[in-house]
């Protein structure tokens, strides 16, 4: 088992591994985790490595809900070993009935949670997250409904994803005003290249003590060290469906970063995990995996190097002119 660290998620008693398993590849066409067998292998490897935080969403998979279904099957007899997070609020194509684009409402949340519980084959969800803002529904209605789900034991904690800084503040004060349980976590895109969360999201997260969960922390795998200007693994997410990320990457900065890592005898993967985990408020790095060796490598990399504050700042500065 890898020597993984664990942290408290925001203002709660929920403890999660600092390396999380992003489950958006489960059921994805063309990946090793497209099948039940492939999904089982990655989940078993994650548990054996000490990874406890598993993050999915009802929309993930080649067919909506497929990631949850595969996970539900794979976690039979192992549910108590993990912290299970899923999300609601994206377009399910009518799988939860007509929603008229209003997916933060009491009516819709009730339908969505029952569907997720059924697919995941569990009685409760540890962290239930609003996947995106619903401008048509007052946040108080969303919070009140999630409050009821917590009271009923179907949900233990609640979080949100893709909210702006002002929306995070609004949710905080609305929960306080009406006496509802507060969101304990925020999930937004954040990496060495995508840094706009530093402008308003991270200040709001830290002001209210939320746990921050970055998605695409390795920029779709670009910072695994497997890519160069000339390309990378043919079966990777970037090469299969996001080739533009490779073409548009700031290669001068990345190559300076590679030299920085080489000077210290660490890999780019190890340095990137270290930089992320040094950011204030960041609780767990959600990284995807399609093969068992990838999740083991991620788990081992997370504690392989402890940079100084000066080194963390130097890594940040390498991408200061190219980050967005």
Protein backbone atom coordinates (compact mmCIF):
# COMPACT_ATOMS: atom_id res chain seq x y z
CA UNK A 1 0.00 0.00 0.00
CA UNK A 2 1.23 3.49 -0.87
CA UNK A 3 1.96 5.90 1.98
CA UNK A 4 -1.07 8.13 1.33
CA UNK A 5 -2.01 11.15 3.41
CA UNK A 6 -5.57 11.91 4.48
CA UNK A 7 -7.24 15.25 5.11
CA UNK A 8 -10.52 16.57 6.49
CA UNK A 9 -12.84 17.78 3.74
CA UNK A 10 -13.79 21.34 4.57
CA UNK A 11 -15.77 22.11 7.74
CA UNK A 12 -16.81 18.50 8.35
CA UNK A 13 -15.75 15.24 9.91
CA UNK A 14 -15.33 13.59 6.51
CA UNK A 15 -11.79 12.30 5.96
CA UNK A 16 -10.59 11.64 2.41
CA UNK A 17 -7.36 10.53 0.79
CA UNK A 18 -5.29 13.34 -0.71
CA UNK A 19 -5.39 11.42 -3.97
CA UNK A 20 -8.88 10.85 -5.27
CA UNK A 21 -9.99 8.62 -8.11
CA UNK A 22 -11.83 10.50 -10.85
CA UNK A 23 -14.34 8.06 -12.28
CA UNK A 24 -15.31 9.83 -15.50
CA UNK A 25 -13.41 7.19 -17.50
CA UNK A 26 -15.57 4.33 -16.24
CA UNK A 27 -17.78 3.31 -19.13
CA UNK A 28 -15.97 5.59 -21.57
CA UNK A 29 -15.74 4.15 -25.06
CA UNK A 30 -12.24 3.15 -26.14
CA UNK A 31 -10.74 2.91 -22.65
CA UNK A 32 -9.72 -0.09 -20.58
CA UNK A 33 -12.41 0.90 -18.09
CA UNK A 34 -15.14 0.74 -20.71
CA UNK A 35 -15.97 -2.72 -19.35
CA UNK A 36 -16.95 -4.03 -15.95
CA UNK A 37 -13.72 -6.02 -15.76
CA UNK A 38 -11.59 -2.95 -16.44
CA UNK A 39 -13.51 -0.87 -13.92
CA UNK A 40 -13.17 -3.58 -11.27
CA UNK A 41 -9.42 -3.71 -11.78
CA UNK A 42 -8.92 0.03 -11.27
CA UNK A 43 -11.23 0.22 -8.26
CA UNK A 44 -9.57 -2.76 -6.58
CA UNK A 45 -6.12 -1.29 -7.21
CA UNK A 46 -7.22 2.07 -5.77
CA UNK A 47 -8.57 0.48 -2.59
CA UNK A 48 -5.42 -1.64 -2.20
CA UNK A 49 -3.28 1.51 -2.61
CA UNK A 50 -5.15 3.32 0.18
CA UNK A 51 -7.21 5.62 -2.04
CA UNK A 52 -10.56 6.22 -0.33
CA UNK A 53 -12.09 9.13 -2.26
CA UNK A 54 -14.01 8.13 -5.41
CA UNK A 55 -15.65 10.90 -7.44
CA UNK A 56 -18.19 10.25 -10.19
CA UNK A 57 -21.33 11.87 -11.62
CA UNK A 58 -24.65 10.64 -12.94
CA UNK A 59 -23.76 11.86 -16.45
CA UNK A 60 -20.44 10.00 -16.77
CA UNK A 61 -20.04 7.13 -19.21
CA UNK A 62 -20.70 6.46 -22.88
CA UNK A 63 -24.32 6.20 -21.80
CA UNK A 64 -25.55 8.47 -19.03
CA UNK A 65 -25.37 6.69 -15.70
CA UNK A 66 -22.96 3.99 -16.89
CA UNK A 67 -20.08 5.06 -14.64
CA UNK A 68 -22.34 4.81 -11.60
CA UNK A 69 -23.68 1.43 -12.72
CA UNK A 70 -20.21 -0.05 -13.21
CA UNK A 71 -19.08 1.36 -9.87
CA UNK A 72 -22.12 -0.03 -8.08
CA UNK A 73 -21.28 -3.50 -9.34
CA UNK A 74 -17.56 -3.15 -8.55
CA UNK A 75 -18.14 -1.90 -5.01
CA UNK A 76 -20.33 -4.78 -3.89
CA UNK A 77 -18.98 -5.84 -0.51
CA UNK A 78 -16.52 -2.93 -0.46
CA UNK A 79 -18.81 0.07 0.02
CA UNK A 80 -17.69 0.77 3.59
CA UNK A 81 -14.05 1.07 2.50
CA UNK A 82 -14.51 4.24 0.45
CA UNK A 83 -15.91 7.76 0.48
CA UNK A 84 -18.31 7.86 -2.47
CA UNK A 85 -19.04 11.16 -4.19
CA UNK A 86 -21.36 11.74 -7.12
CA UNK A 87 -23.04 14.71 -8.76
CA UNK A 88 -26.37 15.82 -10.19
CA UNK A 89 -27.47 18.74 -12.32
CA UNK A 90 -26.27 18.02 -15.85
CA UNK A 91 -28.56 17.11 -18.75
CA UNK A 92 -29.43 13.41 -18.40
CA UNK A 93 -31.29 13.33 -21.69
CA UNK A 94 -34.61 12.55 -20.07
CA UNK A 95 -33.29 9.61 -18.04
CA UNK A 96 -34.74 11.25 -14.94
CA UNK A 97 -37.87 12.33 -16.79
CA UNK A 98 -38.48 15.75 -18.32
CA UNK A 99 -36.66 18.49 -16.41
CA UNK A 100 -37.14 21.59 -18.59
CA UNK A 101 -33.56 22.58 -17.85
CA UNK A 102 -34.29 23.09 -14.15
CA UNK A 103 -32.02 20.65 -12.32
CA UNK A 104 -31.51 22.24 -8.93
CA UNK A 105 -35.20 22.01 -8.05
CA UNK A 106 -36.79 19.91 -5.35
CA UNK A 107 -38.61 17.83 -7.94
CA UNK A 108 -35.53 17.05 -9.99
CA UNK A 109 -33.13 16.39 -7.11
CA UNK A 110 -35.53 13.81 -5.69
CA UNK A 111 -35.58 11.96 -9.01
CA UNK A 112 -31.83 12.25 -9.52
CA UNK A 113 -30.76 10.98 -6.12
CA UNK A 114 -32.97 7.90 -6.27
CA UNK A 115 -31.58 7.05 -9.70
CA UNK A 116 -27.98 7.43 -8.49
CA UNK A 117 -28.59 5.36 -5.37
CA UNK A 118 -30.09 2.60 -7.49
CA UNK A 119 -27.23 2.56 -9.99
CA UNK A 120 -24.57 2.76 -7.28
CA UNK A 121 -26.31 -0.03 -5.34
CA UNK A 122 -25.96 1.82 -2.07
CA UNK A 123 -28.21 3.28 0.61
CA UNK A 124 -26.24 6.50 0.97
CA UNK A 125 -23.96 8.91 -0.85
CA UNK A 126 -21.11 10.37 1.19
CA UNK A 127 -20.78 13.59 -0.85
CA UNK A 128 -23.62 14.69 -3.13
CA UNK A 129 -22.61 17.58 -5.37
CA UNK A 130 -24.49 20.11 -7.47
CA UNK A 131 -22.65 19.67 -10.78
CA UNK A 132 -23.35 23.13 -12.16
CA UNK A 133 -25.34 26.21 -11.12
CA UNK A 134 -29.07 26.26 -11.86
CA UNK A 135 -29.96 29.91 -12.50
CA UNK A 136 -33.68 29.09 -12.63
CA UNK A 137 -33.94 27.69 -9.11
CA UNK A 138 -33.31 29.68 -5.91
CA UNK A 139 -30.30 28.22 -4.12
CA UNK A 140 -32.44 28.05 -0.96
CA UNK A 141 -34.71 25.47 -2.61
CA UNK A 142 -31.69 23.38 -3.60
CA UNK A 143 -30.23 23.58 -0.09
CA UNK A 144 -33.57 22.80 1.57
CA UNK A 145 -33.96 19.67 -0.55
CA UNK A 146 -30.42 18.53 0.17
CA UNK A 147 -31.11 19.21 3.86
CA UNK A 148 -34.02 16.77 3.69
CA UNK A 149 -31.83 14.13 2.04
CA UNK A 150 -29.27 14.47 4.82
CA UNK A 151 -31.99 14.12 7.45
CA UNK A 152 -33.27 10.99 5.71
CA UNK A 153 -29.76 9.47 5.63
CA UNK A 154 -29.57 9.24 1.86
CA UNK A 155 -26.80 11.83 1.73
CA UNK A 156 -24.11 12.50 4.35
CA UNK A 157 -22.52 15.73 3.08
CA UNK A 158 -23.07 18.15 0.21
CA UNK A 159 -20.77 19.99 -2.18
CA UNK A 160 -20.87 21.94 -5.41
CA UNK A 161 -19.01 22.13 -8.70
CA UNK A 162 -18.38 24.89 -11.24
CA UNK A 163 -19.79 27.69 -9.06
CA UNK A 164 -18.36 31.18 -9.37
CA UNK A 165 -16.98 33.00 -6.34
CA UNK A 166 -20.14 35.05 -5.80
CA UNK A 167 -22.30 31.91 -6.05
CA UNK A 168 -20.18 30.22 -3.40
CA UNK A 169 -20.74 33.22 -1.12
CA UNK A 170 -24.47 33.29 -1.85
CA UNK A 171 -24.81 29.59 -0.99
CA UNK A 172 -22.87 30.08 2.24
CA UNK A 173 -25.02 32.94 3.49
CA UNK A 174 -28.28 31.34 2.32
CA UNK A 175 -27.50 28.18 4.28
CA UNK A 176 -26.62 30.25 7.33
CA UNK A 177 -29.75 32.40 7.05
CA UNK A 178 -32.15 29.46 6.75
CA UNK A 179 -30.36 27.02 9.03
CA UNK A 180 -29.54 24.47 6.33
CA UNK A 181 -26.40 22.31 6.27
CA UNK A 182 -23.68 24.11 4.32
CA UNK A 183 -21.78 22.91 1.31
CA UNK A 184 -18.45 21.53 2.53
CA UNK A 185 -16.59 21.35 -0.78
CA UNK A 186 -16.07 23.09 -4.09
CA UNK A 187 -14.97 21.35 -7.27
CA UNK A 188 -13.61 23.51 -10.10
CA UNK A 189 -11.05 23.11 -12.84
CA UNK A 190 -7.56 23.94 -11.63
CA UNK A 191 -4.08 23.08 -12.86
CA UNK A 192 -0.75 24.72 -13.59
CA UNK A 193 -2.23 25.93 -16.88
CA UNK A 194 -5.82 26.72 -15.86
CA UNK A 195 -5.47 29.05 -12.88
CA UNK A 196 -8.48 31.38 -13.11
CA UNK A 197 -9.87 29.78 -9.92
CA UNK A 198 -7.22 31.79 -8.08
CA UNK A 199 -9.05 35.05 -8.89
CA UNK A 200 -12.34 34.53 -7.02
CA UNK A 201 -13.10 30.84 -6.42
CA UNK A 202 -10.14 29.99 -4.21
CA UNK A 203 -10.45 33.19 -2.13
CA UNK A 204 -14.12 32.30 -1.51
CA UNK A 205 -13.26 28.67 -0.76
CA UNK A 206 -10.64 29.70 1.78
CA UNK A 207 -12.79 32.45 3.30
CA UNK A 208 -15.54 29.94 4.12
CA UNK A 209 -13.29 27.01 4.91
CA UNK A 210 -14.47 24.73 2.11
CA UNK A 211 -12.45 21.80 0.89
CA UNK A 212 -11.23 22.38 -2.65
CA UNK A 213 -11.28 19.49 -5.14
CA UNK A 214 -9.66 20.40 -8.46
CA UNK A 215 -10.74 18.55 -11.57
CA UNK A 216 -8.42 18.08 -14.56
CA UNK A 217 -5.52 18.74 -12.14
CA UNK A 218 -3.04 17.12 -14.53
CA UNK A 219 -4.58 19.01 -17.47
CA UNK A 220 -6.08 15.85 -18.95
CA UNK A 221 -2.80 14.00 -18.37
CA UNK A 222 -0.43 16.54 -19.89
CA UNK A 223 1.53 16.72 -16.62
CA UNK A 224 2.02 12.98 -16.27
CA UNK A 225 5.30 13.46 -18.15
CA UNK A 226 4.21 11.17 -20.99
CA UNK A 227 3.71 13.95 -23.54
CA UNK A 228 5.99 16.12 -25.63
CA UNK A 229 5.56 18.57 -28.47
CA UNK A 230 5.43 15.56 -30.79
CA UNK A 231 2.57 13.74 -29.06
CA UNK A 232 1.96 11.05 -26.46
CA UNK A 233 0.24 7.71 -25.78
CA UNK A 234 -2.23 6.91 -28.56
CA UNK A 235 -4.88 5.67 -26.12
CA UNK A 236 -4.70 8.76 -23.89
CA UNK A 237 -7.60 11.15 -23.40
CA UNK A 238 -5.68 13.97 -25.06
CA UNK A 239 -4.73 12.02 -28.19
CA UNK A 240 -8.18 10.47 -28.57
CA UNK A 241 -10.52 13.38 -27.99
CA UNK A 242 -8.60 16.51 -26.94
CA UNK A 243 -5.71 16.81 -29.33
CA UNK A 244 -6.12 20.59 -29.32
CA UNK A 245 -4.84 20.70 -25.73
CA UNK A 246 -1.55 19.25 -26.91
CA UNK A 247 -1.35 21.58 -29.89
CA UNK A 248 -2.09 24.68 -27.79
CA UNK A 249 0.01 23.76 -24.74
CA UNK A 250 2.70 26.24 -23.57
CA UNK A 251 5.61 23.98 -24.44
CA UNK A 252 8.35 26.46 -23.60
CA UNK A 253 7.03 26.67 -20.03
CA UNK A 254 6.50 22.91 -19.80
CA UNK A 255 10.05 22.21 -20.93
CA UNK A 256 11.41 24.65 -18.34
CA UNK A 257 9.29 22.79 -15.79
CA UNK A 258 10.72 19.46 -16.91
CA UNK A 259 14.24 20.84 -16.42
CA UNK A 260 13.25 22.09 -12.94
CA UNK A 261 12.05 18.56 -12.07
CA UNK A 262 15.16 16.91 -13.50
CA UNK A 263 17.39 19.15 -11.39
CA UNK A 264 15.67 17.87 -8.24
CA UNK A 265 15.44 14.24 -9.26
CA UNK A 266 11.65 14.13 -9.26
CA UNK A 267 9.19 13.34 -11.99
CA UNK A 268 6.80 15.88 -13.44
CA UNK A 269 3.92 13.86 -11.98
CA UNK A 270 5.43 13.97 -8.49
CA UNK A 271 6.13 17.69 -8.70
CA UNK A 272 2.65 18.49 -9.98
CA UNK A 273 0.93 16.57 -7.18
CA UNK A 274 3.22 18.28 -4.67
CA UNK A 275 2.43 21.73 -6.08
CA UNK A 276 -1.30 21.09 -6.01
CA UNK A 277 -1.34 19.68 -2.47
CA UNK A 278 0.60 22.74 -1.26
CA UNK A 279 -2.20 25.09 -2.32
CA UNK A 280 -4.27 26.48 0.60
CA UNK A 281 -7.61 24.75 1.01
CA UNK A 282 -6.89 21.97 -1.47
CA UNK A 283 -8.00 18.68 0.05
CA UNK A 284 -7.76 15.95 -2.58
CA UNK A 285 -6.41 15.80 -6.12
CA UNK A 286 -8.98 14.02 -8.28
CA UNK A 287 -7.06 12.18 -10.98
CA UNK A 288 -8.54 9.76 -13.48
CA UNK A 289 -7.12 6.34 -14.30
CA UNK A 290 -7.96 3.66 -16.83
CA UNK A 291 -5.40 1.06 -15.71
CA UNK A 292 -4.45 -0.21 -12.23
CA UNK A 293 -0.83 0.88 -12.58
CA UNK A 294 -1.92 4.48 -13.16
CA UNK A 295 -3.77 4.82 -9.87
CA UNK A 296 -0.89 3.14 -8.02
CA UNK A 297 1.55 5.54 -9.68
CA UNK A 298 -0.61 8.51 -8.67
CA UNK A 299 -0.86 7.31 -5.08
CA UNK A 300 2.89 6.85 -4.80
CA UNK A 301 3.65 10.18 -6.48
CA UNK A 302 1.52 12.15 -4.03
CA UNK A 303 3.95 11.72 -1.14
CA UNK A 304 7.20 11.28 -3.07
CA UNK A 305 8.38 14.89 -2.78
CA UNK A 306 7.87 17.66 -0.22
CA UNK A 307 8.82 20.98 -1.85
CA UNK A 308 9.79 24.09 0.06
CA UNK A 309 7.60 27.16 -0.10
CA UNK A 310 10.18 28.71 -2.42
CA UNK A 311 9.98 25.73 -4.79
CA UNK A 312 6.18 25.88 -4.83
CA UNK A 313 6.38 29.56 -5.74
CA UNK A 314 8.98 28.85 -8.43
CA UNK A 315 6.73 26.22 -10.05
CA UNK A 316 3.86 28.73 -10.05
CA UNK A 317 6.06 31.38 -11.64
CA UNK A 318 7.06 29.08 -14.51
CA UNK A 319 3.49 29.29 -15.80
CA UNK A 320 2.59 32.80 -14.64
CA UNK A 321 2.64 34.24 -18.14
CA UNK A 322 0.85 31.35 -19.87
CA UNK A 323 -1.76 30.37 -17.26
CA UNK A 324 -5.34 31.28 -17.80
